[in-house]
């Protein structure tokens, strides 16, 4: 049975408590006052301490405060008189686990025994709860570390694939085939950026879209701009968090729309392409990619192999939405509205 400490300045009560509680299975140590009780509790380990209220030197409330200040404080059952409900409430607020009204006879020790057992059971449940929470925390940390490592390796593998595609594109003499491989490289880079954000950020399940699109737009600007045909890409984005799969879909859409604008919007020279991502209410975001170039011919999408258009449509469907083109815009303006999760 757990060790208990009974603190009371009355020697007769201490002797009775020691015998009565021992008969009920407790290993009892007694102290003749608050000072002695705190000293003993600091030197020895007790699961439970009973503290009487009225004692010379320091009273029960002060004794309770000092016990609670110990490095590994025991649970305290506070002992009060029958007319001292106010004192009992003060003790509970100060950290006592339970209180018992002192009386004459075995009834008091029965109540004290029941209180000890109840407090001990609650303490055991609390220890088990804390242990389970710590085990869960450690497990979650381990899983997050593993997931971060997976994202790291995926990003590195995609970067390697992108480099291989770039080398293959450089070895081709057919301009159309080279352009197709270069487009593939851009798509791979868009996906790799997501996994790079996942293992370098603090969250392995959500992607900060402002940071992600910032890095993606920088890559696209470097890819599509040249001295002869500079492309100015401007991004305005809210700090929106998206799950990994939705971030990948949105990244591919932005890559395709920006690439189309860089290819077809300004055939005669330079121009600006604007990308905006904003929250629209609590559960929806709005993406817009626009330019001031030659625009679309009616509702016909920009020319090319058509793979980009199919990808945009497929990625939009994965977001349970579709791309809309604004016919009133002077150039091309594509918008997408979708749920955040």
C-alpha atoms as a PDB file:
ATOM      1  CA  UNK A   1       0.000   0.000   0.000  1.00  0.00           C
ATOM      2  CA  UNK A   2       1.176   3.569  -0.617  1.00  0.00           C
ATOM      3  CA  UNK A   3       2.980   5.458   2.112  1.00  0.00           C
ATOM      4  CA  UNK A   4       1.032   8.280   3.739  1.00  0.00           C
ATOM      5  CA  UNK A   5       1.988  11.137   6.051  1.00  0.00           C
ATOM      6  CA  UNK A   6      -0.456  12.337   8.721  1.00  0.00           C
ATOM      7  CA  UNK A   7       0.273  15.878  10.003  1.00  0.00           C
ATOM      8  CA  UNK A   8      -1.499  16.915  13.220  1.00  0.00           C
ATOM      9  CA  UNK A   9      -0.281  18.651  16.387  1.00  0.00           C
ATOM     10  CA  UNK A  10      -2.544  16.481  18.581  1.00  0.00           C
ATOM     11  CA  UNK A  11      -0.516  13.494  19.785  1.00  0.00           C
ATOM     12  CA  UNK A  12      -3.606  11.459  20.637  1.00  0.00           C
ATOM     13  CA  UNK A  13      -5.086  11.946  17.163  1.00  0.00           C
ATOM     14  CA  UNK A  14      -1.760  10.990  15.608  1.00  0.00           C
ATOM     15  CA  UNK A  15      -1.651   7.712  17.554  1.00  0.00           C
ATOM     16  CA  UNK A  16      -5.250   6.906  16.679  1.00  0.00           C
ATOM     17  CA  UNK A  17      -4.658   7.764  13.013  1.00  0.00           C
ATOM     18  CA  UNK A  18      -1.527   5.652  12.843  1.00  0.00           C
ATOM     19  CA  UNK A  19      -3.272   2.557  14.283  1.00  0.00           C
ATOM     20  CA  UNK A  20      -6.587   3.011  12.464  1.00  0.00           C
ATOM     21  CA  UNK A  21      -5.046   3.644   9.053  1.00  0.00           C
ATOM     22  CA  UNK A  22      -2.507   0.848   9.497  1.00  0.00           C
ATOM     23  CA  UNK A  23      -5.419  -1.551  10.120  1.00  0.00           C
ATOM     24  CA  UNK A  24      -6.847  -0.380   6.806  1.00  0.00           C
ATOM     25  CA  UNK A  25      -3.647  -1.266   5.004  1.00  0.00           C
ATOM     26  CA  UNK A  26      -1.745   2.038   4.912  1.00  0.00           C
ATOM     27  CA  UNK A  27       1.929   2.548   5.737  1.00  0.00           C
ATOM     28  CA  UNK A  28       1.636   5.560   8.059  1.00  0.00           C
ATOM     29  CA  UNK A  29       4.187   8.162   9.123  1.00  0.00           C
ATOM     30  CA  UNK A  30       3.128  11.002  11.445  1.00  0.00           C
ATOM     31  CA  UNK A  31       4.367  14.557  12.023  1.00  0.00           C
ATOM     32  CA  UNK A  32       3.551  16.820  15.007  1.00  0.00           C
ATOM     33  CA  UNK A  33       3.092  20.012  13.005  1.00  0.00           C
ATOM     34  CA  UNK A  34       3.414  21.800   9.669  1.00  0.00           C
ATOM     35  CA  UNK A  35       7.139  22.528   9.885  1.00  0.00           C
ATOM     36  CA  UNK A  36       7.998  18.920  10.724  1.00  0.00           C
ATOM     37  CA  UNK A  37       5.560  17.585   8.133  1.00  0.00           C
ATOM     38  CA  UNK A  38       7.010  19.668   5.287  1.00  0.00           C
ATOM     39  CA  UNK A  39      10.548  18.662   6.311  1.00  0.00           C
ATOM     40  CA  UNK A  40       9.651  14.957   6.328  1.00  0.00           C
ATOM     41  CA  UNK A  41       7.800  15.236   3.014  1.00  0.00           C
ATOM     42  CA  UNK A  42      10.859  16.899   1.470  1.00  0.00           C
ATOM     43  CA  UNK A  43      13.135  14.081   2.676  1.00  0.00           C
ATOM     44  CA  UNK A  44      10.876  11.087   1.942  1.00  0.00           C
ATOM     45  CA  UNK A  45       8.478  10.119  -0.812  1.00  0.00           C
ATOM     46  CA  UNK A  46       4.782  10.005   0.117  1.00  0.00           C
ATOM     47  CA  UNK A  47       1.893   9.401  -2.242  1.00  0.00           C
ATOM     48  CA  UNK A  48      -0.610  11.063   0.116  1.00  0.00           C
ATOM     49  CA  UNK A  49      -0.504  13.555   2.988  1.00  0.00           C
ATOM     50  CA  UNK A  50      -3.295  14.402   5.445  1.00  0.00           C
ATOM     51  CA  UNK A  51      -3.029  17.931   6.881  1.00  0.00           C
ATOM     52  CA  UNK A  52      -4.995  19.240   9.865  1.00  0.00           C
ATOM     53  CA  UNK A  53      -6.076  22.872   9.685  1.00  0.00           C
ATOM     54  CA  UNK A  54      -5.484  24.166  13.205  1.00  0.00           C
ATOM     55  CA  UNK A  55      -1.823  23.779  14.200  1.00  0.00           C
ATOM     56  CA  UNK A  56       0.648  26.030  16.031  1.00  0.00           C
ATOM     57  CA  UNK A  57       3.490  27.565  14.076  1.00  0.00           C
ATOM     58  CA  UNK A  58       2.174  27.295  10.540  1.00  0.00           C
ATOM     59  CA  UNK A  59      -1.448  26.336  10.003  1.00  0.00           C
ATOM     60  CA  UNK A  60      -2.828  23.830   7.528  1.00  0.00           C
ATOM     61  CA  UNK A  61      -3.162  26.262   4.610  1.00  0.00           C
ATOM     62  CA  UNK A  62       0.458  27.390   4.925  1.00  0.00           C
ATOM     63  CA  UNK A  63       1.555  23.761   5.284  1.00  0.00           C
ATOM     64  CA  UNK A  64      -0.426  22.930   2.134  1.00  0.00           C
ATOM     65  CA  UNK A  65       1.247  25.765   0.236  1.00  0.00           C
ATOM     66  CA  UNK A  66       4.707  24.539   1.234  1.00  0.00           C
ATOM     67  CA  UNK A  67       3.869  20.947   0.324  1.00  0.00           C
ATOM     68  CA  UNK A  68       2.605  22.076  -3.102  1.00  0.00           C
ATOM     69  CA  UNK A  69       5.906  23.926  -3.627  1.00  0.00           C
ATOM     70  CA  UNK A  70       7.997  20.730  -3.289  1.00  0.00           C
ATOM     71  CA  UNK A  71       9.655  19.465  -6.502  1.00  0.00           C
ATOM     72  CA  UNK A  72       7.374  16.389  -6.666  1.00  0.00           C
ATOM     73  CA  UNK A  73       4.420  17.391  -4.478  1.00  0.00           C
ATOM     74  CA  UNK A  74       2.231  14.679  -2.938  1.00  0.00           C
ATOM     75  CA  UNK A  75      -1.557  14.664  -3.106  1.00  0.00           C
ATOM     76  CA  UNK A  76      -3.063  16.323  -0.030  1.00  0.00           C
ATOM     77  CA  UNK A  77      -6.250  15.499   1.867  1.00  0.00           C
ATOM     78  CA  UNK A  78      -7.216  18.446   4.061  1.00  0.00           C
ATOM     79  CA  UNK A  79      -8.767  17.842   7.504  1.00  0.00           C
ATOM     80  CA  UNK A  80     -11.197  20.489   8.835  1.00  0.00           C
ATOM     81  CA  UNK A  81     -13.790  20.933  11.524  1.00  0.00           C
ATOM     82  CA  UNK A  82     -17.479  20.360  10.910  1.00  0.00           C
ATOM     83  CA  UNK A  83     -18.293  24.087  10.753  1.00  0.00           C
ATOM     84  CA  UNK A  84     -15.391  25.081   8.512  1.00  0.00           C
ATOM     85  CA  UNK A  85     -16.712  24.785   4.953  1.00  0.00           C
ATOM     86  CA  UNK A  86     -15.044  28.091   4.082  1.00  0.00           C
ATOM     87  CA  UNK A  87     -11.659  26.689   5.113  1.00  0.00           C
ATOM     88  CA  UNK A  88     -12.275  23.525   3.096  1.00  0.00           C
ATOM     89  CA  UNK A  89     -13.089  25.536  -0.010  1.00  0.00           C
ATOM     90  CA  UNK A  90      -9.937  27.632   0.460  1.00  0.00           C
ATOM     91  CA  UNK A  91      -7.879  24.440   0.779  1.00  0.00           C
ATOM     92  CA  UNK A  92      -9.339  22.963  -2.415  1.00  0.00           C
ATOM     93  CA  UNK A  93      -8.604  26.191  -4.281  1.00  0.00           C
ATOM     94  CA  UNK A  94      -5.026  26.101  -2.935  1.00  0.00           C
ATOM     95  CA  UNK A  95      -4.453  22.642  -4.404  1.00  0.00           C
ATOM     96  CA  UNK A  96      -5.805  20.078  -1.956  1.00  0.00           C
ATOM     97  CA  UNK A  97      -7.149  16.984  -3.684  1.00  0.00           C
ATOM     98  CA  UNK A  98      -9.923  16.331  -1.165  1.00  0.00           C
ATOM     99  CA  UNK A  99     -11.093  17.327   2.301  1.00  0.00           C
ATOM    100  CA  UNK A 100     -12.509  15.360   5.245  1.00  0.00           C
ATOM    101  CA  UNK A 101     -14.472  16.711   8.205  1.00  0.00           C
ATOM    102  CA  UNK A 102     -12.848  15.633  11.482  1.00  0.00           C
ATOM    103  CA  UNK A 103     -15.055  13.757  13.924  1.00  0.00           C
ATOM    104  CA  UNK A 104     -14.745  11.364  16.853  1.00  0.00           C
ATOM    105  CA  UNK A 105     -14.674   7.615  16.262  1.00  0.00           C
ATOM    106  CA  UNK A 106     -13.998   5.204  13.442  1.00  0.00           C
ATOM    107  CA  UNK A 107     -16.324   7.032  11.073  1.00  0.00           C
ATOM    108  CA  UNK A 108     -13.665   9.704  10.627  1.00  0.00           C
ATOM    109  CA  UNK A 109     -10.974   7.161   9.764  1.00  0.00           C
ATOM    110  CA  UNK A 110     -13.349   5.349   7.393  1.00  0.00           C
ATOM    111  CA  UNK A 111     -13.916   8.624   5.562  1.00  0.00           C
ATOM    112  CA  UNK A 112     -10.201   9.377   5.588  1.00  0.00           C
ATOM    113  CA  UNK A 113      -9.435   5.913   4.218  1.00  0.00           C
ATOM    114  CA  UNK A 114     -12.064   6.318   1.469  1.00  0.00           C
ATOM    115  CA  UNK A 115     -10.680   9.757   0.585  1.00  0.00           C
ATOM    116  CA  UNK A 116      -7.133   8.405   0.382  1.00  0.00           C
ATOM    117  CA  UNK A 117      -8.250   5.603  -1.908  1.00  0.00           C
ATOM    118  CA  UNK A 118     -10.228   7.957  -4.128  1.00  0.00           C
ATOM    119  CA  UNK A 119      -7.367  10.441  -4.386  1.00  0.00           C
ATOM    120  CA  UNK A 120      -4.871   7.627  -5.058  1.00  0.00           C
ATOM    121  CA  UNK A 121      -7.092   6.246  -7.829  1.00  0.00           C
ATOM    122  CA  UNK A 122      -7.456   9.684  -9.441  1.00  0.00           C
ATOM    123  CA  UNK A 123      -3.712  10.252  -9.184  1.00  0.00           C
ATOM    124  CA  UNK A 124      -3.059   6.912 -10.865  1.00  0.00           C
ATOM    125  CA  UNK A 125      -5.450   7.776 -13.682  1.00  0.00           C
ATOM    126  CA  UNK A 126      -3.758  11.150 -14.099  1.00  0.00           C
ATOM    127  CA  UNK A 127      -0.327   9.509 -14.247  1.00  0.00           C
ATOM    128  CA  UNK A 128      -1.598   7.054 -16.849  1.00  0.00           C
ATOM    129  CA  UNK A 129      -3.144   9.921 -18.833  1.00  0.00           C
ATOM    130  CA  UNK A 130       0.103  11.904 -18.768  1.00  0.00           C
ATOM    131  CA  UNK A 131       2.098   8.819 -19.748  1.00  0.00           C
ATOM    132  CA  UNK A 132      -0.265   8.121 -22.653  1.00  0.00           C
ATOM    133  CA  UNK A 133      -0.076  11.754 -23.794  1.00  0.00           C
ATOM    134  CA  UNK A 134       3.710  11.680 -23.653  1.00  0.00           C
ATOM    135  CA  UNK A 135       3.811   8.399 -25.566  1.00  0.00           C
ATOM    136  CA  UNK A 136       1.482   9.903 -28.171  1.00  0.00           C
ATOM    137  CA  UNK A 137       3.611  13.052 -28.390  1.00  0.00           C
ATOM    138  CA  UNK A 138       6.772  11.007 -28.921  1.00  0.00           C
ATOM    139  CA  UNK A 139       5.014   8.843 -31.509  1.00  0.00           C
ATOM    140  CA  UNK A 140       3.706  11.899 -33.375  1.00  0.00           C
ATOM    141  CA  UNK A 141       7.150  13.499 -33.339  1.00  0.00           C
ATOM    142  CA  UNK A 142       8.676  10.302 -34.720  1.00  0.00           C
ATOM    143  CA  UNK A 143       6.032  10.065 -37.455  1.00  0.00           C
ATOM    144  CA  UNK A 144       6.488  13.724 -38.372  1.00  0.00           C
ATOM    145  CA  UNK A 145      10.242  13.194 -38.625  1.00  0.00           C
ATOM    146  CA  UNK A 146       9.703  10.160 -40.864  1.00  0.00           C
ATOM    147  CA  UNK A 147       7.234  12.075 -43.040  1.00  0.00           C
ATOM    148  CA  UNK A 148       9.658  14.983 -43.329  1.00  0.00           C
ATOM    149  CA  UNK A 149      12.365  12.539 -44.417  1.00  0.00           C
ATOM    150  CA  UNK A 150      10.012  11.036 -47.007  1.00  0.00           C
ATOM    151  CA  UNK A 151       9.236  14.490 -48.400  1.00  0.00           C
ATOM    152  CA  UNK A 152      12.950  15.260 -48.463  1.00  0.00           C
ATOM    153  CA  UNK A 153      13.709  12.137 -50.472  1.00  0.00           C
ATOM    154  CA  UNK A 154      10.757  12.689 -52.810  1.00  0.00           C
ATOM    155  CA  UNK A 155      11.882  16.262 -53.465  1.00  0.00           C
ATOM    156  CA  UNK A 156      15.438  15.095 -54.168  1.00  0.00           C
ATOM    157  CA  UNK A 157      14.191  12.331 -56.474  1.00  0.00           C
ATOM    158  CA  UNK A 158      11.976  14.741 -58.391  1.00  0.00           C
ATOM    159  CA  UNK A 159      14.862  17.175 -58.679  1.00  0.00           C
ATOM    160  CA  UNK A 160      16.983  14.372 -60.147  1.00  0.00           C
ATOM    161  CA  UNK A 161      14.216  13.474 -62.621  1.00  0.00           C
ATOM    162  CA  UNK A 162      13.904  17.144 -63.578  1.00  0.00           C
ATOM    163  CA  UNK A 163      17.645  17.338 -64.247  1.00  0.00           C
ATOM    164  CA  UNK A 164      17.485  14.190 -66.408  1.00  0.00           C
ATOM    165  CA  UNK A 165      14.589  15.641 -68.421  1.00  0.00           C
ATOM    166  CA  UNK A 166      16.509  18.881 -68.882  1.00  0.00           C
ATOM    167  CA  UNK A 167      19.555  16.982 -70.164  1.00  0.00           C
ATOM    168  CA  UNK A 168      17.378  14.998 -72.548  1.00  0.00           C
ATOM    169  CA  UNK A 169      15.715  18.177 -73.816  1.00  0.00           C
ATOM    170  CA  UNK A 170      19.125  19.740 -74.466  1.00  0.00           C
ATOM    171  CA  UNK A 171      20.149  16.755 -76.580  1.00  0.00           C
ATOM    172  CA  UNK A 172      17.138  17.015 -78.919  1.00  0.00           C
ATOM    173  CA  UNK A 173      17.208  18.866 -82.240  1.00  0.00           C
ATOM    174  CA  UNK A 174      13.422  18.892 -82.755  1.00  0.00           C
ATOM    175  CA  UNK A 175      12.111  22.206 -81.307  1.00  0.00           C
ATOM    176  CA  UNK A 176       8.646  20.778 -80.586  1.00  0.00           C
ATOM    177  CA  UNK A 177      10.042  17.766 -78.734  1.00  0.00           C
ATOM    178  CA  UNK A 178      12.439  19.990 -76.800  1.00  0.00           C
ATOM    179  CA  UNK A 179       9.616  22.337 -75.825  1.00  0.00           C
ATOM    180  CA  UNK A 180       7.475  19.406 -74.672  1.00  0.00           C
ATOM    181  CA  UNK A 181      10.247  18.112 -72.420  1.00  0.00           C
ATOM    182  CA  UNK A 182      10.876  21.592 -71.035  1.00  0.00           C
ATOM    183  CA  UNK A 183       7.184  21.860 -70.139  1.00  0.00           C
ATOM    184  CA  UNK A 184       7.436  18.475 -68.413  1.00  0.00           C
ATOM    185  CA  UNK A 185      10.423  19.731 -66.444  1.00  0.00           C
ATOM    186  CA  UNK A 186       8.426  22.743 -65.227  1.00  0.00           C
ATOM    187  CA  UNK A 187       5.613  20.460 -64.062  1.00  0.00           C
ATOM    188  CA  UNK A 188       8.017  18.222 -62.167  1.00  0.00           C
ATOM    189  CA  UNK A 189       9.583  21.280 -60.521  1.00  0.00           C
ATOM    190  CA  UNK A 190       6.167  22.523 -59.396  1.00  0.00           C
ATOM    191  CA  UNK A 191       5.516  19.220 -57.591  1.00  0.00           C
ATOM    192  CA  UNK A 192       9.048  19.067 -56.170  1.00  0.00           C
ATOM    193  CA  UNK A 193       8.581  22.537 -54.673  1.00  0.00           C
ATOM    194  CA  UNK A 194       5.631  21.252 -52.629  1.00  0.00           C
ATOM    195  CA  UNK A 195       7.676  18.458 -51.057  1.00  0.00           C
ATOM    196  CA  UNK A 196      10.576  20.851 -50.480  1.00  0.00           C
ATOM    197  CA  UNK A 197       8.223  23.152 -48.547  1.00  0.00           C
ATOM    198  CA  UNK A 198       6.911  20.225 -46.515  1.00  0.00           C
ATOM    199  CA  UNK A 199      10.289  19.124 -45.176  1.00  0.00           C
ATOM    200  CA  UNK A 200      11.755  22.614 -44.695  1.00  0.00           C
ATOM    201  CA  UNK A 201       8.644  24.043 -42.983  1.00  0.00           C
ATOM    202  CA  UNK A 202       7.262  23.304 -39.549  1.00  0.00           C
ATOM    203  CA  UNK A 203       4.173  21.486 -40.854  1.00  0.00           C
ATOM    204  CA  UNK A 204       4.483  18.206 -42.751  1.00  0.00           C
ATOM    205  CA  UNK A 205       0.835  18.128 -43.813  1.00  0.00           C
ATOM    206  CA  UNK A 206       0.078  21.725 -44.847  1.00  0.00           C
ATOM    207  CA  UNK A 207       1.795  23.982 -47.386  1.00  0.00           C
ATOM    208  CA  UNK A 208       2.141  27.733 -46.942  1.00  0.00           C
ATOM    209  CA  UNK A 209       0.922  28.817 -50.376  1.00  0.00           C
ATOM    210  CA  UNK A 210       2.402  32.303 -50.240  1.00  0.00           C
ATOM    211  CA  UNK A 211       5.890  30.913 -49.710  1.00  0.00           C
ATOM    212  CA  UNK A 212       5.346  28.059 -52.145  1.00  0.00           C
ATOM    213  CA  UNK A 213       3.967  30.208 -54.961  1.00  0.00           C
ATOM    214  CA  UNK A 214       6.684  32.789 -54.320  1.00  0.00           C
ATOM    215  CA  UNK A 215       9.404  30.204 -54.957  1.00  0.00           C
ATOM    216  CA  UNK A 216       7.488  28.711 -57.896  1.00  0.00           C
ATOM    217  CA  UNK A 217       6.929  32.086 -59.577  1.00  0.00           C
ATOM    218  CA  UNK A 218      10.612  32.960 -59.107  1.00  0.00           C
ATOM    219  CA  UNK A 219      11.574  29.742 -60.903  1.00  0.00           C
ATOM    220  CA  UNK A 220       9.130  30.423 -63.721  1.00  0.00           C
ATOM    221  CA  UNK A 221      10.373  34.009 -64.112  1.00  0.00           C
ATOM    222  CA  UNK A 222      13.958  32.779 -64.370  1.00  0.00           C
ATOM    223  CA  UNK A 223      12.937  30.121 -66.889  1.00  0.00           C
ATOM    224  CA  UNK A 224      10.822  32.250 -69.225  1.00  0.00           C
ATOM    225  CA  UNK A 225      12.624  35.597 -69.119  1.00  0.00           C
ATOM    226  CA  UNK A 226      15.438  36.513 -71.445  1.00  0.00           C
ATOM    227  CA  UNK A 227      17.175  39.685 -72.493  1.00  0.00           C
ATOM    228  CA  UNK A 228      15.252  39.742 -75.754  1.00  0.00           C
ATOM    229  CA  UNK A 229      11.882  38.828 -74.206  1.00  0.00           C
ATOM    230  CA  UNK A 230      11.750  39.760 -70.523  1.00  0.00           C
ATOM    231  CA  UNK A 231       8.790  38.534 -68.511  1.00  0.00           C
ATOM    232  CA  UNK A 232       7.750  40.409 -65.384  1.00  0.00           C
ATOM    233  CA  UNK A 233       5.859  38.103 -63.002  1.00  0.00           C
ATOM    234  CA  UNK A 234       4.100  39.693 -60.033  1.00  0.00           C
ATOM    235  CA  UNK A 235       2.614  37.647 -57.172  1.00  0.00           C
ATOM    236  CA  UNK A 236       0.201  38.835 -54.504  1.00  0.00           C
ATOM    237  CA  UNK A 237      -0.880  36.078 -52.102  1.00  0.00           C
ATOM    238  CA  UNK A 238      -2.528  35.738 -48.725  1.00  0.00           C
ATOM    239  CA  UNK A 239      -0.857  33.414 -46.164  1.00  0.00           C
ATOM    240  CA  UNK A 240      -3.119  30.483 -47.021  1.00  0.00           C
ATOM    241  CA  UNK A 241      -2.420  26.924 -45.832  1.00  0.00           C
ATOM    242  CA  UNK A 242      -3.487  24.042 -48.086  1.00  0.00           C
ATOM    243  CA  UNK A 243      -3.187  20.255 -47.692  1.00  0.00           C
ATOM    244  CA  UNK A 244      -0.451  18.636 -49.756  1.00  0.00           C
ATOM    245  CA  UNK A 245      -2.630  17.217 -52.531  1.00  0.00           C
ATOM    246  CA  UNK A 246      -4.466  20.506 -53.061  1.00  0.00           C
ATOM    247  CA  UNK A 247      -1.193  22.433 -53.050  1.00  0.00           C
ATOM    248  CA  UNK A 248       0.194  20.141 -55.781  1.00  0.00           C
ATOM    249  CA  UNK A 249      -2.914  20.627 -57.940  1.00  0.00           C
ATOM    250  CA  UNK A 250      -2.809  24.401 -57.529  1.00  0.00           C
ATOM    251  CA  UNK A 251       0.924  24.526 -58.222  1.00  0.00           C
ATOM    252  CA  UNK A 252       0.519  22.633 -61.502  1.00  0.00           C
ATOM    253  CA  UNK A 253      -2.346  24.946 -62.525  1.00  0.00           C
ATOM    254  CA  UNK A 254      -0.269  28.058 -61.811  1.00  0.00           C
ATOM    255  CA  UNK A 255       2.675  26.581 -63.713  1.00  0.00           C
ATOM    256  CA  UNK A 256       0.535  25.876 -66.781  1.00  0.00           C
ATOM    257  CA  UNK A 257      -1.284  29.225 -66.769  1.00  0.00           C
ATOM    258  CA  UNK A 258       1.893  31.239 -66.259  1.00  0.00           C
ATOM    259  CA  UNK A 259       3.754  29.201 -68.882  1.00  0.00           C
ATOM    260  CA  UNK A 260       0.921  29.776 -71.385  1.00  0.00           C
ATOM    261  CA  UNK A 261       1.014  33.517 -70.708  1.00  0.00           C
ATOM    262  CA  UNK A 262       4.788  33.605 -71.074  1.00  0.00           C
ATOM    263  CA  UNK A 263       4.568  31.726 -74.387  1.00  0.00           C
ATOM    264  CA  UNK A 264       1.599  33.394 -76.066  1.00  0.00           C
ATOM    265  CA  UNK A 265       0.508  36.643 -74.377  1.00  0.00           C
ATOM    266  CA  UNK A 266       3.235  38.943 -75.738  1.00  0.00           C
ATOM    267  CA  UNK A 267       4.452  37.675 -79.104  1.00  0.00           C
ATOM    268  CA  UNK A 268       5.903  41.083 -79.961  1.00  0.00           C
ATOM    269  CA  UNK A 269       8.022  41.571 -76.845  1.00  0.00           C
ATOM    270  CA  UNK A 270       7.895  41.978 -73.069  1.00  0.00           C
ATOM    271  CA  UNK A 271       4.933  42.163 -70.725  1.00  0.00           C
ATOM    272  CA  UNK A 272       3.632  41.649 -67.207  1.00  0.00           C
ATOM    273  CA  UNK A 273       1.894  38.564 -65.828  1.00  0.00           C
ATOM    274  CA  UNK A 274       0.073  38.842 -62.503  1.00  0.00           C
ATOM    275  CA  UNK A 275      -0.733  35.982 -60.125  1.00  0.00           C
ATOM    276  CA  UNK A 276      -3.061  36.544 -57.165  1.00  0.00           C
ATOM    277  CA  UNK A 277      -4.207  34.147 -54.460  1.00  0.00           C
ATOM    278  CA  UNK A 278      -6.711  35.446 -51.922  1.00  0.00           C
ATOM    279  CA  UNK A 279      -8.971  34.035 -49.264  1.00  0.00           C
ATOM    280  CA  UNK A 280     -12.634  34.464 -50.142  1.00  0.00           C
ATOM    281  CA  UNK A 281     -14.480  34.007 -46.859  1.00  0.00           C
ATOM    282  CA  UNK A 282     -13.608  31.375 -44.269  1.00  0.00           C
ATOM    283  CA  UNK A 283     -13.551  28.283 -46.465  1.00  0.00           C
ATOM    284  CA  UNK A 284     -12.778  29.339 -50.058  1.00  0.00           C
ATOM    285  CA  UNK A 285      -9.794  30.751 -51.935  1.00  0.00           C
ATOM    286  CA  UNK A 286      -9.633  32.554 -55.291  1.00  0.00           C
ATOM    287  CA  UNK A 287      -6.760  32.197 -57.760  1.00  0.00           C
ATOM    288  CA  UNK A 288      -6.336  34.608 -60.671  1.00  0.00           C
ATOM    289  CA  UNK A 289      -3.648  34.600 -63.379  1.00  0.00           C
ATOM    290  CA  UNK A 290      -3.844  37.464 -65.854  1.00  0.00           C
ATOM    291  CA  UNK A 291      -1.889  39.361 -68.485  1.00  0.00           C
ATOM    292  CA  UNK A 292      -2.446  42.360 -70.785  1.00  0.00           C
ATOM    293  CA  UNK A 293      -1.424  40.561 -73.947  1.00  0.00           C
ATOM    294  CA  UNK A 294      -3.183  39.550 -77.142  1.00  0.00           C
ATOM    295  CA  UNK A 295      -5.899  37.633 -75.347  1.00  0.00           C
ATOM    296  CA  UNK A 296      -7.840  34.564 -76.390  1.00  0.00           C
ATOM    297  CA  UNK A 297      -9.720  34.101 -79.609  1.00  0.00           C
ATOM    298  CA  UNK A 298     -13.275  33.756 -78.281  1.00  0.00           C
ATOM    299  CA  UNK A 299     -13.294  30.889 -75.790  1.00  0.00           C
ATOM    300  CA  UNK A 300     -10.384  29.034 -77.404  1.00  0.00           C
ATOM    301  CA  UNK A 301      -7.477  28.320 -75.089  1.00  0.00           C
ATOM    302  CA  UNK A 302      -3.920  29.219 -76.117  1.00  0.00           C
ATOM    303  CA  UNK A 303      -2.356  27.037 -78.775  1.00  0.00           C
ATOM    304  CA  UNK A 304       0.110  24.191 -78.259  1.00  0.00           C
ATOM    305  CA  UNK A 305      -0.004  20.433 -77.853  1.00  0.00           C
ATOM    306  CA  UNK A 306      -3.074  20.575 -75.634  1.00  0.00           C
ATOM    307  CA  UNK A 307      -1.390  18.644 -72.787  1.00  0.00           C
ATOM    308  CA  UNK A 308      -1.286  21.777 -70.631  1.00  0.00           C
ATOM    309  CA  UNK A 309      -4.986  22.430 -71.123  1.00  0.00           C
ATOM    310  CA  UNK A 310      -5.815  18.841 -70.173  1.00  0.00           C
ATOM    311  CA  UNK A 311      -3.615  19.104 -67.094  1.00  0.00           C
ATOM    312  CA  UNK A 312      -5.297  22.329 -66.010  1.00  0.00           C
ATOM    313  CA  UNK A 313      -8.722  20.750 -66.413  1.00  0.00           C
ATOM    314  CA  UNK A 314      -7.673  17.602 -64.517  1.00  0.00           C
ATOM    315  CA  UNK A 315      -6.070  19.526 -61.659  1.00  0.00           C
ATOM    316  CA  UNK A 316      -9.124  21.797 -61.395  1.00  0.00           C
ATOM    317  CA  UNK A 317     -11.385  18.740 -61.231  1.00  0.00           C
ATOM    318  CA  UNK A 318      -9.270  17.347 -58.392  1.00  0.00           C
ATOM    319  CA  UNK A 319     -10.079  20.588 -56.536  1.00  0.00           C
ATOM    320  CA  UNK A 320     -13.803  20.101 -57.339  1.00  0.00           C
ATOM    321  CA  UNK A 321     -13.858  23.254 -59.465  1.00  0.00           C
ATOM    322  CA  UNK A 322     -13.061  24.558 -62.949  1.00  0.00           C
ATOM    323  CA  UNK A 323     -11.105  27.326 -64.654  1.00  0.00           C
ATOM    324  CA  UNK A 324     -13.045  30.319 -65.938  1.00  0.00           C
ATOM    325  CA  UNK A 325     -11.789  32.884 -68.467  1.00  0.00           C
ATOM    326  CA  UNK A 326     -12.943  36.495 -68.263  1.00  0.00           C
ATOM    327  CA  UNK A 327     -14.013  37.614 -71.767  1.00  0.00           C
ATOM    328  CA  UNK A 328     -14.150  41.263 -70.678  1.00  0.00           C
ATOM    329  CA  UNK A 329     -10.475  41.392 -69.710  1.00  0.00           C
ATOM    330  CA  UNK A 330      -8.235  43.199 -72.191  1.00  0.00           C
ATOM    331  CA  UNK A 331      -5.738  40.322 -72.266  1.00  0.00           C
ATOM    332  CA  UNK A 332      -6.271  36.885 -70.701  1.00  0.00           C
ATOM    333  CA  UNK A 333      -7.610  36.401 -67.198  1.00  0.00           C
ATOM    334  CA  UNK A 334      -8.099  32.919 -65.796  1.00  0.00           C
ATOM    335  CA  UNK A 335      -9.734  32.440 -62.392  1.00  0.00           C
ATOM    336  CA  UNK A 336     -10.397  29.501 -60.119  1.00  0.00           C
ATOM    337  CA  UNK A 337     -12.455  29.373 -56.942  1.00  0.00           C
ATOM    338  CA  UNK A 338     -12.114  26.348 -54.650  1.00  0.00           C
ATOM    339  CA  UNK A 339     -12.473  25.169 -51.083  1.00  0.00           C
ATOM    340  CA  UNK A 340      -9.512  25.422 -48.720  1.00  0.00           C
ATOM    341  CA  UNK A 341      -9.863  21.787 -47.668  1.00  0.00           C
END
